[in-house]
Amino acid sequence: MTGNLGETGLRRRRRAADPMEAFDALPQPLRGWLCEAALPWSPASARRIWGKARADGLSEDEVIERLARAEAKTLERDRRLMRC
């Protein structure tokens, strides 16, 4: 059963922590982006990208753009896997 993941060739991972608690701890702009994301991001991976980008001095809008690019790259990889 795929649940809410749909048809994808991407690997699934089990989570050790409570994903809702981790989601609630994220900054509001990041939570908003995750609600609209095409992929089921884990709060940990989104927080990792957010933290690194903010440490690099990027604004919140620039971080959101970086997340969108990362998601687009993953979606393209999934498209290639599904064609095979």
Protein backbone atom coordinates (compact mmCIF):
# COMPACT_ATOMS: atom_id res chain seq x y z
CA MET A 1 0.00 0.00 0.00
CA THR A 2 1.39 3.41 -0.92
CA GLY A 3 -0.71 5.52 1.45
CA ASN A 4 -0.48 9.18 0.53
CA LEU A 5 2.83 8.80 -1.31
CA GLY A 6 1.24 8.01 -4.67
CA GLU A 7 3.23 6.32 -7.42
CA THR A 8 6.92 6.88 -6.88
CA GLY A 9 10.13 4.99 -7.35
CA LEU A 10 11.83 6.88 -4.52
CA ARG A 11 12.99 5.00 -1.44
CA ARG A 12 10.85 5.26 1.69
CA ARG A 13 12.32 5.65 5.17
CA ARG A 14 11.06 4.93 8.66
CA ARG A 15 11.12 7.78 11.18
CA ALA A 16 12.18 7.41 14.82
CA ALA A 17 10.73 10.69 16.16
CA ASP A 18 7.16 11.97 16.20
CA PRO A 19 6.84 13.73 12.82
CA MET A 20 4.03 16.05 13.97
CA GLU A 21 6.02 17.27 16.97
CA ALA A 22 9.03 17.84 14.74
CA PHE A 23 6.84 19.67 12.19
CA ASP A 24 5.38 21.95 14.87
CA ALA A 25 8.90 22.94 15.96
CA LEU A 26 9.81 24.26 12.47
CA PRO A 27 9.79 27.99 11.63
CA GLN A 28 6.42 29.20 10.30
CA PRO A 29 7.63 30.00 6.73
CA LEU A 30 9.09 26.51 6.44
CA ARG A 31 5.89 24.89 7.73
CA GLY A 32 3.91 26.87 5.16
CA TRP A 33 6.15 25.71 2.33
CA LEU A 34 5.96 22.09 3.48
CA CYS A 35 2.15 22.25 3.44
CA GLU A 36 2.29 23.13 -0.27
CA ALA A 37 5.20 20.84 -1.21
CA ALA A 38 4.71 18.19 -3.88
CA LEU A 39 6.73 15.60 -1.96
CA PRO A 40 6.28 14.27 1.58
CA TRP A 41 9.34 15.94 3.13
CA SER A 42 10.46 14.88 6.57
CA PRO A 43 10.73 17.72 9.08
CA ALA A 44 14.36 16.71 9.72
CA SER A 45 15.46 17.03 6.09
CA ALA A 46 13.60 20.32 5.63
CA ARG A 47 15.10 21.68 8.87
CA ARG A 48 18.60 20.60 7.76
CA ILE A 49 18.32 22.54 4.47
CA TRP A 50 16.72 25.52 6.26
CA GLY A 51 19.43 25.67 8.93
CA LYS A 52 22.33 25.38 6.48
CA ALA A 53 20.89 28.03 4.16
CA ARG A 54 20.19 30.44 7.03
CA ALA A 55 23.74 29.87 8.34
CA ASP A 56 24.97 30.78 4.86
CA GLY A 57 23.19 34.13 5.26
CA LEU A 58 20.22 33.51 2.95
CA SER A 59 16.91 35.27 3.55
CA GLU A 60 13.75 33.27 4.22
CA ASP A 61 12.62 33.78 0.61
CA GLU A 62 15.96 32.57 -0.72
CA VAL A 63 15.76 29.49 1.50
CA ILE A 64 12.29 28.72 0.14
CA GLU A 65 13.71 28.99 -3.39
CA ARG A 66 16.51 26.58 -2.44
CA LEU A 67 13.95 24.11 -1.09
CA ALA A 68 11.90 24.41 -4.28
CA ARG A 69 15.01 23.66 -6.37
CA ALA A 70 15.85 20.64 -4.22
CA GLU A 71 12.29 19.36 -4.63
CA ALA A 72 12.35 19.92 -8.40
CA LYS A 73 15.62 17.97 -8.62
CA THR A 74 14.10 15.07 -6.66
CA LEU A 75 10.96 15.08 -8.81
CA GLU A 76 13.09 14.95 -11.95
CA ARG A 77 15.03 11.99 -10.54
CA ASP A 78 11.72 10.26 -9.78
CA ARG A 79 10.50 10.87 -13.35
CA ARG A 80 13.65 9.24 -14.70
CA LEU A 81 13.21 6.23 -12.39
CA MET A 82 9.57 5.78 -13.39
CA ARG A 83 10.46 5.77 -17.12
CA CYS A 84 12.76 2.77 -16.71
